[in-house]
Amino acid sequence: MTIDDTTLIPVVKSVLQSVGIRHFVRNEGTHDLIGYMRFSPGAHNPLLGIPQLMVEPDRAREARELLAEIEQTGG
């Protein structure tokens, strides 16, 4: 799952942690590397990489179901 709205990263991580799904957000640290994104909520810098959520393969379906509402709201 690509996380276009970076302000949702903590929400996504919290939801997955609450049910014990191991996860990793690729490019999480680079979306705000130069401070630019800090002043643009929901923005990302395509040059530094769009954050992507990675989860355990055997729990991917469960993660999709849990995060479906977040995805529908534009996250």
N, C-alpha and C. Protein backbone atom coordinates (compact mmCIF):
# COMPACT_ATOMS: atom_id res chain seq x y z
N MET A 1 0.85 -1.17 0.00
CA MET A 1 0.00 0.00 0.00
C MET A 1 0.89 1.23 0.00
N THR A 2 0.60 2.16 -0.87
CA THR A 2 1.30 3.43 -0.89
C THR A 2 0.57 4.39 0.04
N ILE A 3 1.32 5.13 0.82
CA ILE A 3 0.72 6.08 1.76
C ILE A 3 0.96 7.48 1.20
N ASP A 4 -0.02 7.97 0.45
CA ASP A 4 0.12 9.28 -0.18
C ASP A 4 0.03 10.42 0.83
N ASP A 5 -0.80 10.25 1.84
CA ASP A 5 -0.94 11.27 2.87
C ASP A 5 -0.06 10.87 4.05
N THR A 6 1.10 11.48 4.14
CA THR A 6 2.08 11.07 5.16
C THR A 6 1.62 11.34 6.59
N THR A 7 0.60 12.16 6.76
CA THR A 7 0.10 12.41 8.10
C THR A 7 -0.62 11.17 8.65
N LEU A 8 -0.94 10.21 7.77
CA LEU A 8 -1.63 8.99 8.19
C LEU A 8 -0.67 7.89 8.63
N ILE A 9 0.62 8.07 8.43
CA ILE A 9 1.58 7.02 8.80
C ILE A 9 1.43 6.59 10.25
N PRO A 10 1.38 7.50 11.21
CA PRO A 10 1.21 7.06 12.61
C PRO A 10 -0.10 6.30 12.85
N VAL A 11 -1.16 6.67 12.15
CA VAL A 11 -2.44 6.00 12.29
C VAL A 11 -2.35 4.57 11.76
N VAL A 12 -1.78 4.44 10.57
CA VAL A 12 -1.62 3.12 9.96
C VAL A 12 -0.78 2.22 10.85
N LYS A 13 0.33 2.74 11.33
CA LYS A 13 1.21 1.95 12.19
C LYS A 13 0.50 1.53 13.48
N SER A 14 -0.27 2.43 14.04
CA SER A 14 -1.00 2.14 15.28
C SER A 14 -2.03 1.04 15.09
N VAL A 15 -2.77 1.11 13.99
CA VAL A 15 -3.78 0.08 13.70
C VAL A 15 -3.12 -1.28 13.57
N LEU A 16 -2.03 -1.36 12.83
CA LEU A 16 -1.36 -2.64 12.63
C LEU A 16 -0.72 -3.15 13.92
N GLN A 17 -0.14 -2.25 14.69
CA GLN A 17 0.47 -2.66 15.96
C GLN A 17 -0.58 -3.19 16.92
N SER A 18 -1.77 -2.61 16.89
CA SER A 18 -2.81 -3.01 17.84
C SER A 18 -3.25 -4.46 17.65
N VAL A 19 -3.06 -5.00 16.45
CA VAL A 19 -3.45 -6.39 16.20
C VAL A 19 -2.23 -7.29 15.97
N GLY A 20 -1.06 -6.74 16.18
CA GLY A 20 0.16 -7.55 16.11
C GLY A 20 0.66 -7.88 14.73
N ILE A 21 0.31 -7.08 13.73
CA ILE A 21 0.81 -7.32 12.38
C ILE A 21 2.16 -6.61 12.24
N ARG A 22 3.19 -7.40 11.96
CA ARG A 22 4.52 -6.80 11.75
C ARG A 22 4.49 -6.03 10.44
N HIS A 23 5.10 -4.87 10.47
CA HIS A 23 5.06 -3.99 9.30
C HIS A 23 6.31 -3.14 9.20
N PHE A 24 6.47 -2.53 8.05
CA PHE A 24 7.58 -1.64 7.79
C PHE A 24 7.10 -0.59 6.80
N VAL A 25 7.44 0.68 7.04
CA VAL A 25 7.07 1.73 6.10
C VAL A 25 8.34 2.15 5.36
N ARG A 26 8.42 1.71 4.13
CA ARG A 26 9.57 2.03 3.28
C ARG A 26 9.51 3.50 2.91
N ASN A 27 10.64 4.18 2.95
CA ASN A 27 10.77 5.61 2.67
C ASN A 27 10.12 6.49 3.73
N GLU A 28 9.86 5.93 4.89
CA GLU A 28 9.23 6.71 5.97
C GLU A 28 10.13 7.87 6.40
N GLY A 29 11.40 7.63 6.51
CA GLY A 29 12.32 8.68 6.97
C GLY A 29 12.72 9.67 5.91
N THR A 30 12.57 9.31 4.65
CA THR A 30 13.03 10.21 3.59
C THR A 30 11.96 11.19 3.13
N HIS A 31 10.70 10.94 3.44
CA HIS A 31 9.66 11.86 2.97
C HIS A 31 9.79 13.23 3.61
N ASP A 32 10.51 13.33 4.70
CA ASP A 32 10.68 14.59 5.42
C ASP A 32 12.16 14.91 5.61
N LEU A 33 12.97 14.41 4.71
CA LEU A 33 14.42 14.50 4.87
C LEU A 33 14.94 15.93 5.00
N ILE A 34 14.39 16.86 4.26
CA ILE A 34 14.91 18.22 4.28
C ILE A 34 13.97 19.21 4.97
N GLY A 35 12.94 18.70 5.64
CA GLY A 35 12.03 19.58 6.37
C GLY A 35 10.91 20.14 5.53
N TYR A 36 11.00 19.99 4.23
CA TYR A 36 9.98 20.53 3.32
C TYR A 36 8.60 19.97 3.62
N MET A 37 8.53 18.66 3.84
CA MET A 37 7.23 18.03 4.05
C MET A 37 6.60 18.41 5.38
N ARG A 38 7.40 18.78 6.33
CA ARG A 38 6.88 19.14 7.64
C ARG A 38 5.88 20.28 7.52
N PHE A 39 6.04 21.13 6.51
CA PHE A 39 5.17 22.29 6.35
C PHE A 39 4.07 22.05 5.32
N SER A 40 3.99 20.84 4.79
CA SER A 40 3.00 20.51 3.78
C SER A 40 2.29 19.22 4.17
N PRO A 41 1.36 19.27 5.11
CA PRO A 41 0.69 18.05 5.55
C PRO A 41 0.07 17.30 4.39
N GLY A 42 0.31 16.01 4.36
CA GLY A 42 -0.25 15.18 3.31
C GLY A 42 0.55 15.17 2.03
N ALA A 43 1.61 15.93 1.97
CA ALA A 43 2.42 15.99 0.76
C ALA A 43 3.57 15.00 0.86
N HIS A 44 4.16 14.72 -0.27
CA HIS A 44 5.34 13.87 -0.29
C HIS A 44 6.27 14.36 -1.38
N ASN A 45 7.51 14.03 -1.25
CA ASN A 45 8.50 14.44 -2.24
C ASN A 45 8.83 13.24 -3.11
N PRO A 46 8.37 13.23 -4.37
CA PRO A 46 8.60 12.07 -5.23
C PRO A 46 10.08 11.80 -5.50
N LEU A 47 10.92 12.80 -5.33
CA LEU A 47 12.35 12.59 -5.54
C LEU A 47 12.96 11.76 -4.41
N LEU A 48 12.38 11.83 -3.23
CA LEU A 48 12.89 11.11 -2.07
C LEU A 48 12.16 9.80 -1.83
N GLY A 49 11.09 9.56 -2.52
CA GLY A 49 10.36 8.31 -2.39
C GLY A 49 9.05 8.46 -1.65
N ILE A 50 8.03 7.85 -2.19
CA ILE A 50 6.71 7.85 -1.57
C ILE A 50 6.67 6.73 -0.54
N PRO A 51 6.21 7.00 0.67
CA PRO A 51 6.14 5.95 1.69
C PRO A 51 5.26 4.78 1.24
N GLN A 52 5.78 3.57 1.44
CA GLN A 52 5.06 2.36 1.07
C GLN A 52 4.99 1.44 2.28
N LEU A 53 3.80 0.95 2.54
CA LEU A 53 3.59 0.04 3.66
C LEU A 53 3.87 -1.39 3.23
N MET A 54 4.68 -2.08 4.01
CA MET A 54 4.97 -3.48 3.77
C MET A 54 4.53 -4.24 5.02
N VAL A 55 3.83 -5.36 4.82
CA VAL A 55 3.37 -6.19 5.94
C VAL A 55 3.75 -7.64 5.69
N GLU A 56 3.59 -8.45 6.74
CA GLU A 56 3.84 -9.89 6.62
C GLU A 56 2.95 -10.44 5.51
N PRO A 57 3.50 -11.21 4.57
CA PRO A 57 2.70 -11.73 3.46
C PRO A 57 1.47 -12.52 3.89
N ASP A 58 1.59 -13.31 4.93
CA ASP A 58 0.46 -14.14 5.35
C ASP A 58 -0.63 -13.35 6.07
N ARG A 59 -0.36 -12.08 6.35
CA ARG A 59 -1.37 -11.24 7.02
C ARG A 59 -1.75 -10.03 6.17
N ALA A 60 -1.35 -10.06 4.89
CA ALA A 60 -1.61 -8.92 4.00
C ALA A 60 -3.11 -8.68 3.82
N ARG A 61 -3.86 -9.74 3.65
CA ARG A 61 -5.31 -9.59 3.47
C ARG A 61 -5.95 -8.96 4.70
N GLU A 62 -5.55 -9.42 5.86
CA GLU A 62 -6.07 -8.86 7.11
C GLU A 62 -5.73 -7.38 7.22
N ALA A 63 -4.50 -7.03 6.86
CA ALA A 63 -4.07 -5.63 6.91
C ALA A 63 -4.89 -4.78 5.95
N ARG A 64 -5.12 -5.29 4.74
CA ARG A 64 -5.94 -4.55 3.76
C ARG A 64 -7.34 -4.28 4.30
N GLU A 65 -7.91 -5.28 4.93
CA GLU A 65 -9.26 -5.12 5.49
C GLU A 65 -9.28 -4.07 6.61
N LEU A 66 -8.28 -4.12 7.46
CA LEU A 66 -8.20 -3.16 8.57
C LEU A 66 -8.01 -1.73 8.06
N LEU A 67 -7.26 -1.60 6.98
CA LEU A 67 -6.91 -0.27 6.49
C LEU A 67 -7.81 0.21 5.35
N ALA A 68 -8.83 -0.56 5.00
CA ALA A 68 -9.71 -0.21 3.89
C ALA A 68 -10.35 1.16 4.07
N GLU A 69 -10.80 1.45 5.26
CA GLU A 69 -11.46 2.73 5.50
C GLU A 69 -10.48 3.89 5.33
N ILE A 70 -9.25 3.70 5.75
CA ILE A 70 -8.23 4.73 5.58
C ILE A 70 -7.96 4.96 4.10
N GLU A 71 -7.87 3.90 3.33
CA GLU A 71 -7.63 4.00 1.89
C GLU A 71 -8.79 4.74 1.20
N GLN A 72 -10.01 4.50 1.63
CA GLN A 72 -11.18 5.12 1.01
C GLN A 72 -11.23 6.62 1.26
N THR A 73 -10.62 7.07 2.33
CA THR A 73 -10.62 8.50 2.65
C THR A 73 -9.47 9.23 1.98
N GLY A 74 -8.73 8.53 1.14
CA GLY A 74 -7.67 9.18 0.40
C GLY A 74 -6.29 8.93 0.92
N GLY A 75 -6.15 8.11 1.96
CA GLY A 75 -4.84 7.80 2.51
C GLY A 75 -4.16 6.69 1.79
